Every structure is written in structure tokens, then in C-alpha cells.
């Protein structure tokens, strides 16, 4: 079953997913990955069979849509 959830703040599941995908798999430093300002983003999580399989964060600033961490 595929489902999604929207969060206003980053949680442990999102942090763990980002560590695995961006830090471990893509070699991004932890400082660059978790640079702060997470509360400015809305976090969209895609689940398959209750496992987090996709993630994107989105913010709107001054009328401009900012997409990050796809």
C-alpha cells in the first residue's frame, strides 16, 4: 500500500532517511545536509507498506517555491 504524510518539522524517520540517502549513499557531509532552517520547510514523506521510500521538502519564500532534498 502506498501512502504519504506531511510534516511541519523534521522527525527522526526523516533524519534517518536523509542520512542514508544523502550522507551515506551520496557522500554529502552531515553539516551540509543538516544546515538548519528545517522549520521553514514542509516535509512530504512517501511510504510503501509503512516504510519510508521517498521524501521531498518544500518552502515558499517571497512567492517563490523552493524544492530541496528530493
PDB file of N, CA and C in Angstrom:
ATOM      1  N   UNK A   1       0.833  -1.173   0.000  1.00  0.00           N
ATOM      2  CA  UNK A   1       0.000   0.000   0.000  1.00  0.00           C
ATOM      3  C   UNK A   1       0.887   1.249   0.000  1.00  0.00           C
ATOM      4  N   UNK A   2       0.524   2.235  -0.785  1.00  0.00           N
ATOM      5  CA  UNK A   2       1.274   3.488  -0.854  1.00  0.00           C
ATOM      6  C   UNK A   2       0.485   4.575  -0.129  1.00  0.00           C
ATOM      7  N   UNK A   3       1.198   5.357   0.676  1.00  0.00           N
ATOM      8  CA  UNK A   3       0.574   6.402   1.473  1.00  0.00           C
ATOM      9  C   UNK A   3       1.562   7.558   1.592  1.00  0.00           C
ATOM     10  N   UNK A   4       1.105   8.722   2.024  1.00  0.00           N
ATOM     11  CA  UNK A   4       2.022   9.827   2.282  1.00  0.00           C
ATOM     12  C   UNK A   4       1.568  10.595   3.505  1.00  0.00           C
ATOM     13  N   UNK A   5       2.535  11.285   4.112  1.00  0.00           N
ATOM     14  CA  UNK A   5       2.270  12.151   5.253  1.00  0.00           C
ATOM     15  C   UNK A   5       3.012  13.460   5.043  1.00  0.00           C
ATOM     16  N   UNK A   6       2.482  14.493   5.636  1.00  0.00           N
ATOM     17  CA  UNK A   6       3.084  15.823   5.570  1.00  0.00           C
ATOM     18  C   UNK A   6       3.429  16.254   6.995  1.00  0.00           C
ATOM     19  N   UNK A   7       4.655  16.747   7.173  1.00  0.00           N
ATOM     20  CA  UNK A   7       5.118  17.186   8.491  1.00  0.00           C
ATOM     21  C   UNK A   7       5.607  18.628   8.406  1.00  0.00           C
ATOM     22  N   UNK A   8       5.387  19.395   9.456  1.00  0.00           N
ATOM     23  CA  UNK A   8       5.896  20.767   9.527  1.00  0.00           C
ATOM     24  C   UNK A   8       7.310  20.799  10.085  1.00  0.00           C
ATOM     25  N   UNK A   9       7.714  19.755  10.783  1.00  0.00           N
ATOM     26  CA  UNK A   9       9.056  19.664  11.350  1.00  0.00           C
ATOM     27  C   UNK A   9       9.690  18.344  10.934  1.00  0.00           C
ATOM     28  N   UNK A  10      10.995  18.333  10.857  1.00  0.00           N
ATOM     29  CA  UNK A  10      11.704  17.095  10.563  1.00  0.00           C
ATOM     30  C   UNK A  10      11.634  16.188  11.787  1.00  0.00           C
ATOM     31  N   UNK A  11      11.408  14.896  11.568  1.00  0.00           N
ATOM     32  CA  UNK A  11      11.377  13.942  12.670  1.00  0.00           C
ATOM     33  C   UNK A  11      12.519  12.935  12.517  1.00  0.00           C
ATOM     34  N   UNK A  12      12.611  11.985  13.433  1.00  0.00           N
ATOM     35  CA  UNK A  12      13.717  11.007  13.402  1.00  0.00           C
ATOM     36  C   UNK A  12      13.688  10.125  12.157  1.00  0.00           C
ATOM     37  N   UNK A  13      12.497   9.746  11.695  1.00  0.00           N
ATOM     38  CA  UNK A  13      12.401   8.916  10.479  1.00  0.00           C
ATOM     39  C   UNK A  13      12.950   9.668   9.271  1.00  0.00           C
ATOM     40  N   UNK A  14      12.613  10.946   9.160  1.00  0.00           N
ATOM     41  CA  UNK A  14      13.109  11.769   8.052  1.00  0.00           C
ATOM     42  C   UNK A  14      14.618  11.943   8.166  1.00  0.00           C
ATOM     43  N   UNK A  15      15.107  12.239   9.365  1.00  0.00           N
ATOM     44  CA  UNK A  15      16.553  12.423   9.563  1.00  0.00           C
ATOM     45  C   UNK A  15      17.310  11.152   9.199  1.00  0.00           C
ATOM     46  N   UNK A  16      16.810  10.006   9.621  1.00  0.00           N
ATOM     47  CA  UNK A  16      17.464   8.737   9.298  1.00  0.00           C
ATOM     48  C   UNK A  16      17.455   8.452   7.808  1.00  0.00           C
ATOM     49  N   UNK A  17      16.350   8.738   7.151  1.00  0.00           N
ATOM     50  CA  UNK A  17      16.245   8.555   5.705  1.00  0.00           C
ATOM     51  C   UNK A  17      17.238   9.455   4.978  1.00  0.00           C
ATOM     52  N   UNK A  18      17.320  10.712   5.385  1.00  0.00           N
ATOM     53  CA  UNK A  18      18.249  11.651   4.754  1.00  0.00           C
ATOM     54  C   UNK A  18      19.700  11.259   4.999  1.00  0.00           C
ATOM     55  N   UNK A  19      19.993  10.748   6.200  1.00  0.00           N
ATOM     56  CA  UNK A  19      21.360  10.266   6.461  1.00  0.00           C
ATOM     57  C   UNK A  19      21.724   9.152   5.493  1.00  0.00           C
ATOM     58  N   UNK A  20      20.832   8.193   5.343  1.00  0.00           N
ATOM     59  CA  UNK A  20      21.093   7.047   4.469  1.00  0.00           C
ATOM     60  C   UNK A  20      21.257   7.480   3.011  1.00  0.00           C
ATOM     61  N   UNK A  21      20.334   8.272   2.518  1.00  0.00           N
ATOM     62  CA  UNK A  21      20.338   8.643   1.098  1.00  0.00           C
ATOM     63  C   UNK A  21      21.404   9.677   0.770  1.00  0.00           C
ATOM     64  N   UNK A  22      21.448  10.759   1.524  1.00  0.00           N
ATOM     65  CA  UNK A  22      22.320  11.868   1.144  1.00  0.00           C
ATOM     66  C   UNK A  22      23.737  11.768   1.720  1.00  0.00           C
ATOM     67  N   UNK A  23      23.859  11.355   2.961  1.00  0.00           N
ATOM     68  CA  UNK A  23      25.188  11.297   3.580  1.00  0.00           C
ATOM     69  C   UNK A  23      25.911  10.008   3.200  1.00  0.00           C
ATOM     70  N   UNK A  24      25.275   8.862   3.430  1.00  0.00           N
ATOM     71  CA  UNK A  24      25.926   7.577   3.160  1.00  0.00           C
ATOM     72  C   UNK A  24      26.035   7.311   1.660  1.00  0.00           C
ATOM     73  N   UNK A  25      24.908   7.354   0.940  1.00  0.00           N
ATOM     74  CA  UNK A  25      24.910   6.983  -0.474  1.00  0.00           C
ATOM     75  C   UNK A  25      25.537   8.040  -1.385  1.00  0.00           C
ATOM     76  N   UNK A  26      25.298   9.333  -1.086  1.00  0.00           N
ATOM     77  CA  UNK A  26      25.774  10.378  -1.989  1.00  0.00           C
ATOM     78  C   UNK A  26      27.003  11.119  -1.479  1.00  0.00           C
ATOM     79  N   UNK A  27      27.429  10.834  -0.261  1.00  0.00           N
ATOM     80  CA  UNK A  27      28.659  11.411   0.254  1.00  0.00           C
ATOM     81  C   UNK A  27      28.580  12.876   0.657  1.00  0.00           C
ATOM     82  N   UNK A  28      27.392  13.376   0.940  1.00  0.00           N
ATOM     83  CA  UNK A  28      27.238  14.757   1.397  1.00  0.00           C
ATOM     84  C   UNK A  28      27.609  14.825   2.873  1.00  0.00           C
ATOM     85  N   UNK A  29      28.284  15.879   3.283  1.00  0.00           N
ATOM     86  CA  UNK A  29      28.666  15.996   4.692  1.00  0.00           C
ATOM     87  C   UNK A  29      27.430  16.216   5.559  1.00  0.00           C
ATOM     88  N   UNK A  30      27.517  15.779   6.804  1.00  0.00           N
ATOM     89  CA  UNK A  30      26.396  15.968   7.730  1.00  0.00           C
ATOM     90  C   UNK A  30      26.122  17.458   7.944  1.00  0.00           C
ATOM     91  N   UNK A  31      27.166  18.279   7.969  1.00  0.00           N
ATOM     92  CA  UNK A  31      26.994  19.720   8.144  1.00  0.00           C
ATOM     93  C   UNK A  31      26.201  20.327   6.990  1.00  0.00           C
ATOM     94  N   UNK A  32      26.473  19.885   5.763  1.00  0.00           N
ATOM     95  CA  UNK A  32      25.731  20.398   4.611  1.00  0.00           C
ATOM     96  C   UNK A  32      24.304  19.861   4.584  1.00  0.00           C
ATOM     97  N   UNK A  33      24.128  18.614   4.960  1.00  0.00           N
ATOM     98  CA  UNK A  33      22.794  18.014   4.911  1.00  0.00           C
ATOM     99  C   UNK A  33      21.855  18.610   5.957  1.00  0.00           C
ATOM    100  N   UNK A  34      22.364  18.850   7.145  1.00  0.00           N
ATOM    101  CA  UNK A  34      21.535  19.381   8.230  1.00  0.00           C
ATOM    102  C   UNK A  34      22.008  20.788   8.584  1.00  0.00           C
ATOM    103  N   UNK A  35      21.865  21.698   7.608  1.00  0.00           N
ATOM    104  CA  UNK A  35      22.383  23.054   7.773  1.00  0.00           C
ATOM    105  C   UNK A  35      21.472  23.958   8.592  1.00  0.00           C
ATOM    106  N   UNK A  36      20.300  23.470   8.985  1.00  0.00           N
ATOM    107  CA  UNK A  36      19.380  24.282   9.784  1.00  0.00           C
ATOM    108  C   UNK A  36      18.261  24.845   8.931  1.00  0.00           C
ATOM    109  N   UNK A  37      17.340  25.503   9.578  1.00  0.00           N
ATOM    110  CA  UNK A  37      16.215  26.100   8.876  1.00  0.00           C
ATOM    111  C   UNK A  37      15.137  25.116   8.459  1.00  0.00           C
ATOM    112  N   UNK A  38      15.143  23.923   9.035  1.00  0.00           N
ATOM    113  CA  UNK A  38      14.167  22.899   8.663  1.00  0.00           C
ATOM    114  C   UNK A  38      12.736  23.337   8.927  1.00  0.00           C
ATOM    115  N   UNK A  39      12.538  24.211   9.925  1.00  0.00           N
ATOM    116  CA  UNK A  39      11.187  24.646  10.269  1.00  0.00           C
ATOM    117  C   UNK A  39      10.567  25.535   9.197  1.00  0.00           C
ATOM    118  N   UNK A  40      11.360  26.001   8.229  1.00  0.00           N
ATOM    119  CA  UNK A  40      10.831  26.803   7.123  1.00  0.00           C
ATOM    120  C   UNK A  40      10.254  25.931   6.016  1.00  0.00           C
ATOM    121  N   UNK A  41      10.472  24.631   6.101  1.00  0.00           N
ATOM    122  CA  UNK A  41      10.041  23.705   5.060  1.00  0.00           C
ATOM    123  C   UNK A  41       8.866  22.859   5.515  1.00  0.00           C
ATOM    124  N   UNK A  42       8.087  22.406   4.537  1.00  0.00           N
ATOM    125  CA  UNK A  42       7.080  21.374   4.754  1.00  0.00           C
ATOM    126  C   UNK A  42       7.702  20.087   4.224  1.00  0.00           C
ATOM    127  N   UNK A  43       7.611  19.025   4.994  1.00  0.00           N
ATOM    128  CA  UNK A  43       8.258  17.762   4.667  1.00  0.00           C
ATOM    129  C   UNK A  43       7.209  16.750   4.204  1.00  0.00           C
ATOM    130  N   UNK A  44       7.330  16.280   2.959  1.00  0.00           N
ATOM    131  CA  UNK A  44       6.412  15.308   2.385  1.00  0.00           C
ATOM    132  C   UNK A  44       7.103  13.945   2.355  1.00  0.00           C
ATOM    133  N   UNK A  45       6.458  12.948   2.939  1.00  0.00           N
ATOM    134  CA  UNK A  45       7.034  11.606   3.013  1.00  0.00           C
ATOM    135  C   UNK A  45       6.134  10.615   2.286  1.00  0.00           C
ATOM    136  N   UNK A  46       6.722   9.778   1.457  1.00  0.00           N
ATOM    137  CA  UNK A  46       6.012   8.741   0.727  1.00  0.00           C
ATOM    138  C   UNK A  46       6.367   7.393   1.345  1.00  0.00           C
ATOM    139  N   UNK A  47       5.354   6.615   1.664  1.00  0.00           N
ATOM    140  CA  UNK A  47       5.537   5.318   2.304  1.00  0.00           C
ATOM    141  C   UNK A  47       5.008   4.208   1.405  1.00  0.00           C
ATOM    142  N   UNK A  48       5.705   3.104   1.395  1.00  0.00           N
ATOM    143  CA  UNK A  48       5.222   1.890   0.748  1.00  0.00           C
ATOM    144  C   UNK A  48       5.253   0.798   1.810  1.00  0.00           C
ATOM    145  N   UNK A  49       4.108   0.195   2.049  1.00  0.00           N
ATOM    146  CA  UNK A  49       3.994  -0.832   3.084  1.00  0.00           C
ATOM    147  C   UNK A  49       4.582  -0.358   4.411  1.00  0.00           C
ATOM    148  N   UNK A  50       4.271   0.880   4.778  1.00  0.00           N
ATOM    149  CA  UNK A  50       4.669   1.516   6.042  1.00  0.00           C
ATOM    150  C   UNK A  50       6.163   1.814   6.160  1.00  0.00           C
ATOM    151  N   UNK A  51       6.915   1.666   5.065  1.00  0.00           N
ATOM    152  CA  UNK A  51       8.340   2.015   5.064  1.00  0.00           C
ATOM    153  C   UNK A  51       8.538   3.309   4.272  1.00  0.00           C
ATOM    154  N   UNK A  52       9.316   4.225   4.814  1.00  0.00           N
ATOM    155  CA  UNK A  52       9.608   5.484   4.135  1.00  0.00           C
ATOM    156  C   UNK A  52      10.458   5.203   2.903  1.00  0.00           C
ATOM    157  N   UNK A  53       9.935   5.538   1.722  1.00  0.00           N
ATOM    158  CA  UNK A  53      10.647   5.248   0.473  1.00  0.00           C
ATOM    159  C   UNK A  53      10.908   6.493  -0.372  1.00  0.00           C
ATOM    160  N   UNK A  54      10.321   7.628  -0.011  1.00  0.00           N
ATOM    161  CA  UNK A  54      10.536   8.855  -0.767  1.00  0.00           C
ATOM    162  C   UNK A  54      10.325  10.068   0.110  1.00  0.00           C
ATOM    163  N   UNK A  55      11.011  11.145  -0.245  1.00  0.00           N
ATOM    164  CA  UNK A  55      10.976  12.345   0.596  1.00  0.00           C
ATOM    165  C   UNK A  55      11.266  13.566  -0.257  1.00  0.00           C
ATOM    166  N   UNK A  56      10.591  14.663   0.068  1.00  0.00           N
ATOM    167  CA  UNK A  56      10.879  15.963  -0.534  1.00  0.00           C
ATOM    168  C   UNK A  56      10.524  17.034   0.495  1.00  0.00           C
ATOM    169  N   UNK A  57      11.277  18.117   0.482  1.00  0.00           N
ATOM    170  CA  UNK A  57      10.912  19.239   1.344  1.00  0.00           C
ATOM    171  C   UNK A  57      10.679  20.450   0.468  1.00  0.00           C
ATOM    172  N   UNK A  58       9.698  21.250   0.858  1.00  0.00           N
ATOM    173  CA  UNK A  58       9.276  22.397   0.050  1.00  0.00           C
ATOM    174  C   UNK A  58       9.047  23.590   0.966  1.00  0.00           C
ATOM    175  N   UNK A  59       9.458  24.779   0.493  1.00  0.00           N
ATOM    176  CA  UNK A  59       9.188  26.032   1.204  1.00  0.00           C
ATOM    177  C   UNK A  59       8.779  27.078   0.181  1.00  0.00           C
ATOM    178  N   UNK A  60       7.984  28.019   0.626  1.00  0.00           N
ATOM    179  CA  UNK A  60       7.636  29.172  -0.198  1.00  0.00           C
ATOM    180  C   UNK A  60       8.179  30.402   0.511  1.00  0.00           C
ATOM    181  N   UNK A  61       9.057  31.114  -0.176  1.00  0.00           N
ATOM    182  CA  UNK A  61       9.651  32.328   0.379  1.00  0.00           C
ATOM    183  C   UNK A  61       9.498  33.443  -0.642  1.00  0.00           C
ATOM    184  N   UNK A  62       8.873  34.524  -0.216  1.00  0.00           N
ATOM    185  CA  UNK A  62       8.654  35.682  -1.082  1.00  0.00           C
ATOM    186  C   UNK A  62       7.989  35.289  -2.401  1.00  0.00           C
ATOM    187  N   UNK A  63       7.025  34.376  -2.323  1.00  0.00           N
ATOM    188  CA  UNK A  63       6.281  33.965  -3.502  1.00  0.00           C
ATOM    189  C   UNK A  63       7.009  33.007  -4.423  1.00  0.00           C
ATOM    190  N   UNK A  64       8.163  32.513  -3.988  1.00  0.00           N
ATOM    191  CA  UNK A  64       8.956  31.587  -4.798  1.00  0.00           C
ATOM    192  C   UNK A  64       8.982  30.214  -4.128  1.00  0.00           C
ATOM    193  N   UNK A  65       8.688  29.175  -4.894  1.00  0.00           N
ATOM    194  CA  UNK A  65       8.695  27.810  -4.387  1.00  0.00           C
ATOM    195  C   UNK A  65      10.128  27.269  -4.388  1.00  0.00           C
ATOM    196  N   UNK A  66      10.576  26.776  -3.243  1.00  0.00           N
ATOM    197  CA  UNK A  66      11.916  26.203  -3.101  1.00  0.00           C
ATOM    198  C   UNK A  66      11.770  24.706  -2.804  1.00  0.00           C
ATOM    199  N   UNK A  67      12.294  23.882  -3.682  1.00  0.00           N
ATOM    200  CA  UNK A  67      12.247  22.434  -3.522  1.00  0.00           C
ATOM    201  C   UNK A  67      13.642  21.936  -3.190  1.00  0.00           C
ATOM    202  N   UNK A  68      13.728  21.082  -2.197  1.00  0.00           N
ATOM    203  CA  UNK A  68      15.026  20.561  -1.831  1.00  0.00           C
ATOM    204  C   UNK A  68      14.950  19.152  -1.295  1.00  0.00           C
ATOM    205  N   UNK A  69      16.050  18.470  -1.308  1.00  0.00           N
ATOM    206  CA  UNK A  69      16.170  17.125  -0.752  1.00  0.00           C
ATOM    207  C   UNK A  69      15.160  16.163  -1.354  1.00  0.00           C
ATOM    208  N   UNK A  70      15.232  16.010  -2.638  1.00  0.00           N
ATOM    209  CA  UNK A  70      14.321  15.087  -3.336  1.00  0.00           C
ATOM    210  C   UNK A  70      14.919  13.704  -3.341  1.00  0.00           C
TER     211      UNK A  70
END
